[in-house]
Amino acid sequence: MITVSENAKQHALGLITNENSPEGTFIRVGVDGGGCSGLTYKLVFDTIITETDKIFEDKGIKIAVDKKSFLYLIGTELDYVGGLNGKGFVFVNPNASRTCGCGESFGV
């Protein structure tokens, strides 16, 4: 399962509302090869669910992830932080054995 922190929920709902996103908009997360640690996180807003997606809902936020990426993201919490290094969504991934300094890539 992929979960959403309360802070991430508030920011996601704000973005969906402020951008006048179509009804049924959800968060799509995934993993691509690349980055300094080998794998990079993806996060986009989407409206189309494919037959290979795994769908989760936490705190009223729907999240889609493709089956391959899900293997790397099991147990991950999507959070939102604002600090000296910038603000944005972050992945709190218990499967990551190493991460880069910016937190955008990881390795297992």
PDB file of N, CA and C in Angstrom:
ATOM      1  N   MET A   1       0.842  -1.185   0.000  1.00  0.00           N
ATOM      2  CA  MET A   1       0.000   0.000   0.000  1.00  0.00           C
ATOM      3  C   MET A   1       0.880   1.239   0.000  1.00  0.00           C
ATOM      4  N   ILE A   2       0.395   2.292  -0.616  1.00  0.00           N
ATOM      5  CA  ILE A   2       1.038   3.597  -0.594  1.00  0.00           C
ATOM      6  C   ILE A   2       0.106   4.529   0.169  1.00  0.00           C
ATOM      7  N   THR A   3       0.648   5.245   1.144  1.00  0.00           N
ATOM      8  CA  THR A   3      -0.173   6.108   1.986  1.00  0.00           C
ATOM      9  C   THR A   3       0.170   7.580   1.735  1.00  0.00           C
ATOM     10  N   VAL A   4      -0.658   8.458   2.280  1.00  0.00           N
ATOM     11  CA  VAL A   4      -0.521   9.903   2.096  1.00  0.00           C
ATOM     12  C   VAL A   4      -0.543  10.558   3.469  1.00  0.00           C
ATOM     13  N   SER A   5       0.437  11.421   3.732  1.00  0.00           N
ATOM     14  CA  SER A   5       0.411  12.159   4.999  1.00  0.00           C
ATOM     15  C   SER A   5      -0.692  13.216   4.938  1.00  0.00           C
ATOM     16  N   GLU A   6      -1.074  13.719   6.082  1.00  0.00           N
ATOM     17  CA  GLU A   6      -2.100  14.767   6.137  1.00  0.00           C
ATOM     18  C   GLU A   6      -1.629  16.015   5.388  1.00  0.00           C
ATOM     19  N   ASN A   7      -0.356  16.349   5.528  1.00  0.00           N
ATOM     20  CA  ASN A   7       0.202  17.511   4.843  1.00  0.00           C
ATOM     21  C   ASN A   7       0.157  17.334   3.321  1.00  0.00           C
ATOM     22  N   ALA A   8       0.515  16.141   2.839  1.00  0.00           N
ATOM     23  CA  ALA A   8       0.463  15.860   1.403  1.00  0.00           C
ATOM     24  C   ALA A   8      -0.976  15.915   0.900  1.00  0.00           C
ATOM     25  N   LYS A   9      -1.894  15.422   1.691  1.00  0.00           N
ATOM     26  CA  LYS A   9      -3.313  15.457   1.308  1.00  0.00           C
ATOM     27  C   LYS A   9      -3.760  16.891   1.077  1.00  0.00           C
ATOM     28  N   GLN A  10      -3.464  17.776   2.036  1.00  0.00           N
ATOM     29  CA  GLN A  10      -3.896  19.162   1.934  1.00  0.00           C
ATOM     30  C   GLN A  10      -3.307  19.844   0.700  1.00  0.00           C
ATOM     31  N   HIS A  11      -2.034  19.607   0.430  1.00  0.00           N
ATOM     32  CA  HIS A  11      -1.391  20.244  -0.720  1.00  0.00           C
ATOM     33  C   HIS A  11      -1.894  19.656  -2.043  1.00  0.00           C
ATOM     34  N   ALA A  12      -2.116  18.356  -2.078  1.00  0.00           N
ATOM     35  CA  ALA A  12      -2.637  17.734  -3.301  1.00  0.00           C
ATOM     36  C   ALA A  12      -4.032  18.264  -3.618  1.00  0.00           C
ATOM     37  N   LEU A  13      -4.893  18.311  -2.615  1.00  0.00           N
ATOM     38  CA  LEU A  13      -6.247  18.835  -2.831  1.00  0.00           C
ATOM     39  C   LEU A  13      -6.206  20.291  -3.271  1.00  0.00           C
ATOM     40  N   GLY A  14      -5.294  21.065  -2.685  1.00  0.00           N
ATOM     41  CA  GLY A  14      -5.145  22.464  -3.073  1.00  0.00           C
ATOM     42  C   GLY A  14      -4.719  22.608  -4.522  1.00  0.00           C
ATOM     43  N   LEU A  15      -3.764  21.801  -4.948  1.00  0.00           N
ATOM     44  CA  LEU A  15      -3.300  21.861  -6.338  1.00  0.00           C
ATOM     45  C   LEU A  15      -4.400  21.445  -7.310  1.00  0.00           C
ATOM     46  N   ILE A  16      -5.095  20.380  -6.979  1.00  0.00           N
ATOM     47  CA  ILE A  16      -6.168  19.904  -7.856  1.00  0.00           C
ATOM     48  C   ILE A  16      -7.246  20.975  -8.003  1.00  0.00           C
ATOM     49  N   THR A  17      -7.598  21.625  -6.895  1.00  0.00           N
ATOM     50  CA  THR A  17      -8.628  22.663  -6.915  1.00  0.00           C
ATOM     51  C   THR A  17      -8.141  23.916  -7.637  1.00  0.00           C
ATOM     52  N   ASN A  18      -6.937  24.391  -7.298  1.00  0.00           N
ATOM     53  CA  ASN A  18      -6.423  25.638  -7.864  1.00  0.00           C
ATOM     54  C   ASN A  18      -6.130  25.541  -9.351  1.00  0.00           C
ATOM     55  N   GLU A  19      -5.824  24.356  -9.840  1.00  0.00           N
ATOM     56  CA  GLU A  19      -5.512  24.177 -11.254  1.00  0.00           C
ATOM     57  C   GLU A  19      -6.758  23.848 -12.077  1.00  0.00           C
ATOM     58  N   ASN A  20      -7.926  23.879 -11.429  1.00  0.00           N
ATOM     59  CA  ASN A  20      -9.179  23.531 -12.102  1.00  0.00           C
ATOM     60  C   ASN A  20      -9.075  22.188 -12.822  1.00  0.00           C
ATOM     61  N   SER A  21      -8.497  21.219 -12.137  1.00  0.00           N
ATOM     62  CA  SER A  21      -8.320  19.885 -12.708  1.00  0.00           C
ATOM     63  C   SER A  21      -9.675  19.232 -12.943  1.00  0.00           C
ATOM     64  N   PRO A  22      -9.753  18.375 -13.968  1.00  0.00           N
ATOM     65  CA  PRO A  22     -11.031  17.708 -14.243  1.00  0.00           C
ATOM     66  C   PRO A  22     -11.456  16.800 -13.090  1.00  0.00           C
ATOM     67  N   GLU A  23     -12.749  16.556 -13.009  1.00  0.00           N
ATOM     68  CA  GLU A  23     -13.263  15.641 -11.993  1.00  0.00           C
ATOM     69  C   GLU A  23     -12.608  14.278 -12.182  1.00  0.00           C
ATOM     70  N   GLY A  24     -12.279  13.626 -11.098  1.00  0.00           N
ATOM     71  CA  GLY A  24     -11.648  12.314 -11.163  1.00  0.00           C
ATOM     72  C   GLY A  24     -10.137  12.363 -11.226  1.00  0.00           C
ATOM     73  N   THR A  25      -9.547  13.551 -11.064  1.00  0.00           N
ATOM     74  CA  THR A  25      -8.082  13.672 -11.073  1.00  0.00           C
ATOM     75  C   THR A  25      -7.507  12.972  -9.852  1.00  0.00           C
ATOM     76  N   PHE A  26      -6.433  12.231 -10.066  1.00  0.00           N
ATOM     77  CA  PHE A  26      -5.758  11.509  -8.992  1.00  0.00           C
ATOM     78  C   PHE A  26      -4.252  11.677  -9.145  1.00  0.00           C
ATOM     79  N   ILE A  27      -3.500  11.170  -8.167  1.00  0.00           N
ATOM     80  CA  ILE A  27      -2.037  11.221  -8.204  1.00  0.00           C
ATOM     81  C   ILE A  27      -1.513   9.916  -8.792  1.00  0.00           C
ATOM     82  N   ARG A  28      -0.618  10.029  -9.765  1.00  0.00           N
ATOM     83  CA  ARG A  28       0.076   8.866 -10.321  1.00  0.00           C
ATOM     84  C   ARG A  28       1.538   8.949  -9.871  1.00  0.00           C
ATOM     85  N   VAL A  29       2.008   7.891  -9.218  1.00  0.00           N
ATOM     86  CA  VAL A  29       3.410   7.819  -8.815  1.00  0.00           C
ATOM     87  C   VAL A  29       4.074   6.657  -9.539  1.00  0.00           C
ATOM     88  N   GLY A  30       5.384   6.733  -9.649  1.00  0.00           N
ATOM     89  CA  GLY A  30       6.114   5.671 -10.311  1.00  0.00           C
ATOM     90  C   GLY A  30       7.601   5.810 -10.097  1.00  0.00           C
ATOM     91  N   VAL A  31       8.341   4.917 -10.747  1.00  0.00           N
ATOM     92  CA  VAL A  31       9.790   4.865 -10.637  1.00  0.00           C
ATOM     93  C   VAL A  31      10.364   4.716 -12.039  1.00  0.00           C
ATOM     94  N   ASP A  32      11.417   5.472 -12.329  1.00  0.00           N
ATOM     95  CA  ASP A  32      12.162   5.349 -13.583  1.00  0.00           C
ATOM     96  C   ASP A  32      13.622   5.108 -13.264  1.00  0.00           C
ATOM     97  N   GLY A  33      14.341   4.507 -14.185  1.00  0.00           N
ATOM     98  CA  GLY A  33      15.783   4.363 -14.036  1.00  0.00           C
ATOM     99  C   GLY A  33      16.444   5.718 -14.197  1.00  0.00           C
ATOM    100  N   GLY A  34      17.508   5.963 -13.434  1.00  0.00           N
ATOM    101  CA  GLY A  34      18.246   7.217 -13.554  1.00  0.00           C
ATOM    102  C   GLY A  34      18.528   7.837 -12.205  1.00  0.00           C
ATOM    103  N   GLY A  35      19.088   9.039 -12.238  1.00  0.00           N
ATOM    104  CA  GLY A  35      19.430   9.737 -11.003  1.00  0.00           C
ATOM    105  C   GLY A  35      20.738   9.243 -10.427  1.00  0.00           C
ATOM    106  N   CYS A  36      21.221   9.937  -9.429  1.00  0.00           N
ATOM    107  CA  CYS A  36      22.525   9.578  -8.850  1.00  0.00           C
ATOM    108  C   CYS A  36      22.514   8.274  -8.067  1.00  0.00           C
ATOM    109  N   SER A  37      21.348   7.829  -7.640  1.00  0.00           N
ATOM    110  CA  SER A  37      21.284   6.585  -6.869  1.00  0.00           C
ATOM    111  C   SER A  37      20.709   5.409  -7.659  1.00  0.00           C
ATOM    112  N   GLY A  38      20.366   5.624  -8.925  1.00  0.00           N
ATOM    113  CA  GLY A  38      19.914   4.515  -9.768  1.00  0.00           C
ATOM    114  C   GLY A  38      18.459   4.543 -10.187  1.00  0.00           C
ATOM    115  N   LEU A  39      17.575   5.037  -9.323  1.00  0.00           N
ATOM    116  CA  LEU A  39      16.142   5.095  -9.620  1.00  0.00           C
ATOM    117  C   LEU A  39      15.603   6.467  -9.232  1.00  0.00           C
ATOM    118  N   THR A  40      14.665   6.993 -10.005  1.00  0.00           N
ATOM    119  CA  THR A  40      14.072   8.289  -9.681  1.00  0.00           C
ATOM    120  C   THR A  40      12.568   8.140  -9.495  1.00  0.00           C
ATOM    121  N   TYR A  41      12.029   8.983  -8.647  1.00  0.00           N
ATOM    122  CA  TYR A  41      10.594   9.002  -8.392  1.00  0.00           C
ATOM    123  C   TYR A  41       9.887   9.849  -9.446  1.00  0.00           C
ATOM    124  N   LYS A  42       8.637   9.477  -9.753  1.00  0.00           N
ATOM    125  CA  LYS A  42       7.763  10.262 -10.630  1.00  0.00           C
ATOM    126  C   LYS A  42       6.476  10.558  -9.870  1.00  0.00           C
ATOM    127  N   LEU A  43       5.934  11.742 -10.086  1.00  0.00           N
ATOM    128  CA  LEU A  43       4.640  12.107  -9.516  1.00  0.00           C
ATOM    129  C   LEU A  43       3.980  13.077 -10.486  1.00  0.00           C
ATOM    130  N   VAL A  44       2.786  12.709 -10.948  1.00  0.00           N
ATOM    131  CA  VAL A  44       1.997  13.572 -11.832  1.00  0.00           C
ATOM    132  C   VAL A  44       0.535  13.439 -11.433  1.00  0.00           C
ATOM    133  N   PHE A  45      -0.252  14.414 -11.849  1.00  0.00           N
ATOM    134  CA  PHE A  45      -1.694  14.307 -11.700  1.00  0.00           C
ATOM    135  C   PHE A  45      -2.239  13.731 -12.999  1.00  0.00           C
ATOM    136  N   ASP A  46      -3.208  12.823 -12.902  1.00  0.00           N
ATOM    137  CA  ASP A  46      -3.698  12.093 -14.064  1.00  0.00           C
ATOM    138  C   ASP A  46      -5.201  11.880 -13.926  1.00  0.00           C
ATOM    139  N   THR A  47      -5.830  11.463 -15.035  1.00  0.00           N
ATOM    140  CA  THR A  47      -7.261  11.149 -15.013  1.00  0.00           C
ATOM    141  C   THR A  47      -7.560   9.803 -15.657  1.00  0.00           C
ATOM    142  N   ILE A  48      -6.525   9.122 -16.169  1.00  0.00           N
ATOM    143  CA  ILE A  48      -6.737   7.861 -16.887  1.00  0.00           C
ATOM    144  C   ILE A  48      -6.086   6.707 -16.127  1.00  0.00           C
ATOM    145  N   ILE A  49      -6.884   5.713 -15.791  1.00  0.00           N
ATOM    146  CA  ILE A  49      -6.391   4.507 -15.123  1.00  0.00           C
ATOM    147  C   ILE A  49      -6.212   3.428 -16.187  1.00  0.00           C
ATOM    148  N   THR A  50      -5.056   2.745 -16.148  1.00  0.00           N
ATOM    149  CA  THR A  50      -4.807   1.662 -17.095  1.00  0.00           C
ATOM    150  C   THR A  50      -5.039   0.326 -16.405  1.00  0.00           C
ATOM    151  N   GLU A  51      -5.143  -0.722 -17.196  1.00  0.00           N
ATOM    152  CA  GLU A  51      -5.421  -2.037 -16.605  1.00  0.00           C
ATOM    153  C   GLU A  51      -4.216  -2.604 -15.845  1.00  0.00           C
ATOM    154  N   THR A  52      -3.033  -2.023 -16.008  1.00  0.00           N
ATOM    155  CA  THR A  52      -1.866  -2.502 -15.252  1.00  0.00           C
ATOM    156  C   THR A  52      -1.622  -1.699 -13.978  1.00  0.00           C
ATOM    157  N   ASP A  53      -2.493  -0.734 -13.681  1.00  0.00           N
ATOM    158  CA  ASP A  53      -2.329   0.090 -12.481  1.00  0.00           C
ATOM    159  C   ASP A  53      -2.816  -0.624 -11.231  1.00  0.00           C
ATOM    160  N   LYS A  54      -2.138  -0.351 -10.133  1.00  0.00           N
ATOM    161  CA  LYS A  54      -2.643  -0.687  -8.812  1.00  0.00           C
ATOM    162  C   LYS A  54      -3.197   0.625  -8.255  1.00  0.00           C
ATOM    163  N   ILE A  55      -4.373   0.568  -7.668  1.00  0.00           N
ATOM    164  CA  ILE A  55      -5.050   1.770  -7.180  1.00  0.00           C
ATOM    165  C   ILE A  55      -5.164   1.702  -5.660  1.00  0.00           C
ATOM    166  N   PHE A  56      -4.824   2.803  -5.010  1.00  0.00           N
ATOM    167  CA  PHE A  56      -4.941   2.923  -3.560  1.00  0.00           C
ATOM    168  C   PHE A  56      -5.680   4.208  -3.255  1.00  0.00           C
ATOM    169  N   GLU A  57      -6.325   4.250  -2.112  1.00  0.00           N
ATOM    170  CA  GLU A  57      -6.938   5.485  -1.648  1.00  0.00           C
ATOM    171  C   GLU A  57      -6.640   5.622  -0.168  1.00  0.00           C
ATOM    172  N   ASP A  58      -6.116   6.792   0.194  1.00  0.00           N
ATOM    173  CA  ASP A  58      -5.788   7.065   1.589  1.00  0.00           C
ATOM    174  C   ASP A  58      -6.173   8.511   1.887  1.00  0.00           C
ATOM    175  N   LYS A  59      -6.907   8.711   2.948  1.00  0.00           N
ATOM    176  CA  LYS A  59      -7.353  10.043   3.365  1.00  0.00           C
ATOM    177  C   LYS A  59      -8.099  10.769   2.241  1.00  0.00           C
ATOM    178  N   GLY A  60      -8.806  10.012   1.413  1.00  0.00           N
ATOM    179  CA  GLY A  60      -9.581  10.610   0.337  1.00  0.00           C
ATOM    180  C   GLY A  60      -8.786  10.935  -0.914  1.00  0.00           C
ATOM    181  N   ILE A  61      -7.512  10.583  -0.947  1.00  0.00           N
ATOM    182  CA  ILE A  61      -6.656  10.822  -2.110  1.00  0.00           C
ATOM    183  C   ILE A  61      -6.439   9.505  -2.834  1.00  0.00           C
ATOM    184  N   LYS A  62      -6.778   9.483  -4.127  1.00  0.00           N
ATOM    185  CA  LYS A  62      -6.573   8.282  -4.935  1.00  0.00           C
ATOM    186  C   LYS A  62      -5.176   8.328  -5.543  1.00  0.00           C
ATOM    187  N   ILE A  63      -4.478   7.197  -5.475  1.00  0.00           N
ATOM    188  CA  ILE A  63      -3.120   7.074  -6.016  1.00  0.00           C
ATOM    189  C   ILE A  63      -3.073   5.875  -6.943  1.00  0.00           C
ATOM    190  N   ALA A  64      -2.495   6.079  -8.129  1.00  0.00           N
ATOM    191  CA  ALA A  64      -2.287   4.988  -9.085  1.00  0.00           C
ATOM    192  C   ALA A  64      -0.782   4.765  -9.242  1.00  0.00           C
ATOM    193  N   VAL A  65      -0.403   3.504  -9.367  1.00  0.00           N
ATOM    194  CA  VAL A  65       0.999   3.153  -9.598  1.00  0.00           C
ATOM    195  C   VAL A  65       1.033   1.928 -10.498  1.00  0.00           C
ATOM    196  N   ASP A  66       1.947   1.927 -11.468  1.00  0.00           N
ATOM    197  CA  ASP A  66       2.059   0.746 -12.325  1.00  0.00           C
ATOM    198  C   ASP A  66       2.677  -0.401 -11.531  1.00  0.00           C
ATOM    199  N   LYS A  67       2.396  -1.638 -11.953  1.00  0.00           N
ATOM    200  CA  LYS A  67       2.800  -2.813 -11.179  1.00  0.00           C
ATOM    201  C   LYS A  67       4.305  -2.907 -10.988  1.00  0.00           C
ATOM    202  N   LYS A  68       5.097  -2.548 -11.997  1.00  0.00           N
ATOM    203  CA  LYS A  68       6.553  -2.612 -11.871  1.00  0.00           C
ATOM    204  C   LYS A  68       7.053  -1.634 -10.815  1.00  0.00           C
ATOM    205  N   SER A  69       6.571  -0.396 -10.863  1.00  0.00           N
ATOM    206  CA  SER A  69       6.990   0.606  -9.877  1.00  0.00           C
ATOM    207  C   SER A  69       6.536   0.231  -8.479  1.00  0.00           C
ATOM    208  N   PHE A  70       5.375  -0.398  -8.375  1.00  0.00           N
ATOM    209  CA  PHE A  70       4.839  -0.756  -7.064  1.00  0.00           C
ATOM    210  C   PHE A  70       5.812  -1.630  -6.277  1.00  0.00           C
ATOM    211  N   LEU A  71       6.560  -2.492  -6.965  1.00  0.00           N
ATOM    212  CA  LEU A  71       7.530  -3.355  -6.278  1.00  0.00           C
ATOM    213  C   LEU A  71       8.566  -2.535  -5.506  1.00  0.00           C
ATOM    214  N   TYR A  72       8.892  -1.352  -6.012  1.00  0.00           N
ATOM    215  CA  TYR A  72       9.862  -0.473  -5.348  1.00  0.00           C
ATOM    216  C   TYR A  72       9.208   0.459  -4.327  1.00  0.00           C
ATOM    217  N   LEU A  73       7.890   0.599  -4.390  1.00  0.00           N
ATOM    218  CA  LEU A  73       7.201   1.596  -3.569  1.00  0.00           C
ATOM    219  C   LEU A  73       6.307   1.009  -2.480  1.00  0.00           C
ATOM    220  N   ILE A  74       6.310  -0.297  -2.306  1.00  0.00           N
ATOM    221  CA  ILE A  74       5.477  -0.922  -1.275  1.00  0.00           C
ATOM    222  C   ILE A  74       5.787  -0.296   0.086  1.00  0.00           C
ATOM    223  N   GLY A  75       4.758   0.165   0.759  1.00  0.00           N
ATOM    224  CA  GLY A  75       4.920   0.743   2.097  1.00  0.00           C
ATOM    225  C   GLY A  75       5.349   2.194   2.113  1.00  0.00           C
ATOM    226  N   THR A  76       5.448   2.830   0.960  1.00  0.00           N
ATOM    227  CA  THR A  76       5.896   4.220   0.873  1.00  0.00           C
ATOM    228  C   THR A  76       4.795   5.179   1.331  1.00  0.00           C
ATOM    229  N   GLU A  77       5.209   6.251   2.000  1.00  0.00           N
ATOM    230  CA  GLU A  77       4.292   7.330   2.352  1.00  0.00           C
ATOM    231  C   GLU A  77       4.651   8.544   1.506  1.00  0.00           C
ATOM    232  N   LEU A  78       3.640   9.144   0.895  1.00  0.00           N
ATOM    233  CA  LEU A  78       3.817  10.390   0.172  1.00  0.00           C
ATOM    234  C   LEU A  78       3.614  11.523   1.169  1.00  0.00           C
ATOM    235  N   ASP A  79       4.620  12.381   1.277  1.00  0.00           N
ATOM    236  CA  ASP A  79       4.561  13.489   2.227  1.00  0.00           C
ATOM    237  C   ASP A  79       4.787  14.793   1.464  1.00  0.00           C
ATOM    238  N   TYR A  80       4.584  15.896   2.140  1.00  0.00           N
ATOM    239  CA  TYR A  80       4.850  17.214   1.563  1.00  0.00           C
ATOM    240  C   TYR A  80       5.641  17.989   2.596  1.00  0.00           C
ATOM    241  N   VAL A  81       6.777  18.538   2.183  1.00  0.00           N
ATOM    242  CA  VAL A  81       7.623  19.289   3.113  1.00  0.00           C
ATOM    243  C   VAL A  81       7.918  20.667   2.539  1.00  0.00           C
ATOM    244  N   GLY A  82       8.179  21.583   3.413  1.00  0.00           N
ATOM    245  CA  GLY A  82       8.609  22.925   3.038  1.00  0.00           C
ATOM    246  C   GLY A  82       9.714  23.324   3.988  1.00  0.00           C
ATOM    247  N   GLY A  83      10.903  23.463   3.476  1.00  0.00           N
ATOM    248  CA  GLY A  83      12.029  23.791   4.337  1.00  0.00           C
ATOM    249  C   GLY A  83      13.089  24.551   3.582  1.00  0.00           C
ATOM    250  N   LEU A  84      14.279  24.581   4.131  1.00  0.00           N
ATOM    251  CA  LEU A  84      15.381  25.329   3.531  1.00  0.00           C
ATOM    252  C   LEU A  84      15.782  24.779   2.170  1.00  0.00           C
ATOM    253  N   ASN A  85      15.588  23.481   1.952  1.00  0.00           N
ATOM    254  CA  ASN A  85      15.949  22.869   0.676  1.00  0.00           C
ATOM    255  C   ASN A  85      14.832  22.965  -0.357  1.00  0.00           C
ATOM    256  N   GLY A  86      13.798  23.703  -0.063  1.00  0.00           N
ATOM    257  CA  GLY A  86      12.683  23.839  -0.991  1.00  0.00           C
ATOM    258  C   GLY A  86      11.452  23.157  -0.440  1.00  0.00           C
ATOM    259  N   LYS A  87      10.396  23.228  -1.224  1.00  0.00           N
ATOM    260  CA  LYS A  87       9.170  22.584  -0.785  1.00  0.00           C
ATOM    261  C   LYS A  87       8.644  21.717  -1.907  1.00  0.00           C
ATOM    262  N   GLY A  88       7.932  20.681  -1.522  1.00  0.00           N
ATOM    263  CA  GLY A  88       7.357  19.785  -2.511  1.00  0.00           C
ATOM    264  C   GLY A  88       7.023  18.437  -1.914  1.00  0.00           C
ATOM    265  N   PHE A  89       6.513  17.567  -2.774  1.00  0.00           N
ATOM    266  CA  PHE A  89       6.173  16.213  -2.355  1.00  0.00           C
ATOM    267  C   PHE A  89       7.448  15.393  -2.224  1.00  0.00           C
ATOM    268  N   VAL A  90       7.502  14.551  -1.203  1.00  0.00           N
ATOM    269  CA  VAL A  90       8.632  13.650  -0.994  1.00  0.00           C
ATOM    270  C   VAL A  90       8.098  12.242  -0.749  1.00  0.00           C
ATOM    271  N   PHE A  91       8.914  11.267  -1.104  1.00  0.00           N
ATOM    272  CA  PHE A  91       8.585   9.864  -0.915  1.00  0.00           C
ATOM    273  C   PHE A  91       9.352   9.354   0.301  1.00  0.00           C
ATOM    274  N   VAL A  92       8.634   8.861   1.304  1.00  0.00           N
ATOM    275  CA  VAL A  92       9.259   8.237   2.469  1.00  0.00           C
ATOM    276  C   VAL A  92       9.185   6.737   2.206  1.00  0.00           C
ATOM    277  N   ASN A  93      10.294   6.203   1.661  1.00  0.00           N
ATOM    278  CA  ASN A  93      10.307   4.845   1.123  1.00  0.00           C
ATOM    279  C   ASN A  93      11.123   3.909   2.011  1.00  0.00           C
ATOM    280  N   PRO A  94      10.476   2.966   2.694  1.00  0.00           N
ATOM    281  CA  PRO A  94      11.211   2.044   3.565  1.00  0.00           C
ATOM    282  C   PRO A  94      12.074   1.042   2.791  1.00  0.00           C
ATOM    283  N   ASN A  95      11.881   0.950   1.479  1.00  0.00           N
ATOM    284  CA  ASN A  95      12.649   0.010   0.663  1.00  0.00           C
ATOM    285  C   ASN A  95      13.967   0.588   0.162  1.00  0.00           C
ATOM    286  N   ALA A  96      14.154   1.889   0.286  1.00  0.00           N
ATOM    287  CA  ALA A  96      15.354   2.548  -0.229  1.00  0.00           C
ATOM    288  C   ALA A  96      16.530   2.289   0.702  1.00  0.00           C
ATOM    289  N   SER A  97      17.577   1.676   0.149  1.00  0.00           N
ATOM    290  CA  SER A  97      18.772   1.433   0.952  1.00  0.00           C
ATOM    291  C   SER A  97      19.727   2.614   0.888  1.00  0.00           C
ATOM    292  N   ARG A  98      19.579   3.459  -0.133  1.00  0.00           N
ATOM    293  CA  ARG A  98      20.377   4.675  -0.239  1.00  0.00           C
ATOM    294  C   ARG A  98      19.567   5.713  -1.020  1.00  0.00           C
ATOM    295  N   THR A  99      19.813   6.977  -0.715  1.00  0.00           N
ATOM    296  CA  THR A  99      19.159   8.071  -1.440  1.00  0.00           C
ATOM    297  C   THR A  99      20.210   9.128  -1.730  1.00  0.00           C
ATOM    298  N   CYS A 100      19.936   9.952  -2.722  1.00  0.00           N
ATOM    299  CA  CYS A 100      20.843  11.055  -3.023  1.00  0.00           C
ATOM    300  C   CYS A 100      20.528  12.214  -2.084  1.00  0.00           C
ATOM    301  N   GLY A 101      21.354  13.219  -2.080  1.00  0.00           N
ATOM    302  CA  GLY A 101      21.182  14.350  -1.176  1.00  0.00           C
ATOM    303  C   GLY A 101      19.894  15.121  -1.403  1.00  0.00           C
ATOM    304  N   CYS A 102      19.427  15.185  -2.648  1.00  0.00           N
ATOM    305  CA  CYS A 102      18.207  15.944  -2.929  1.00  0.00           C
ATOM    306  C   CYS A 102      16.951  15.141  -2.649  1.00  0.00           C
ATOM    307  N   GLY A 103      17.069  13.809  -2.500  1.00  0.00           N
ATOM    308  CA  GLY A 103      15.923  12.964  -2.197  1.00  0.00           C
ATOM    309  C   GLY A 103      15.099  12.572  -3.398  1.00  0.00           C
ATOM    310  N   GLU A 104      15.547  12.931  -4.602  1.00  0.00           N
ATOM    311  CA  GLU A 104      14.774  12.608  -5.799  1.00  0.00           C
ATOM    312  C   GLU A 104      15.139  11.260  -6.412  1.00  0.00           C
ATOM    313  N   SER A 105      16.230  10.668  -5.965  1.00  0.00           N
ATOM    314  CA  SER A 105      16.571   9.341  -6.479  1.00  0.00           C
ATOM    315  C   SER A 105      16.945   8.430  -5.320  1.00  0.00           C
ATOM    316  N   PHE A 106      16.887   7.116  -5.596  1.00  0.00           N
ATOM    317  CA  PHE A 106      17.156   6.138  -4.544  1.00  0.00           C
ATOM    318  C   PHE A 106      17.663   4.853  -5.151  1.00  0.00           C
ATOM    319  N   GLY A 107      18.170   3.986  -4.304  1.00  0.00           N
ATOM    320  CA  GLY A 107      18.591   2.646  -4.713  1.00  0.00           C
ATOM    321  C   GLY A 107      18.060   1.637  -3.715  1.00  0.00           C
ATOM    322  N   VAL A 108      17.932   0.395  -4.185  1.00  0.00           N
ATOM    323  CA  VAL A 108      17.447  -0.677  -3.305  1.00  0.00           C
ATOM    324  C   VAL A 108      18.503  -1.757  -3.149  1.00  0.00           C
TER     325      VAL A 108
END
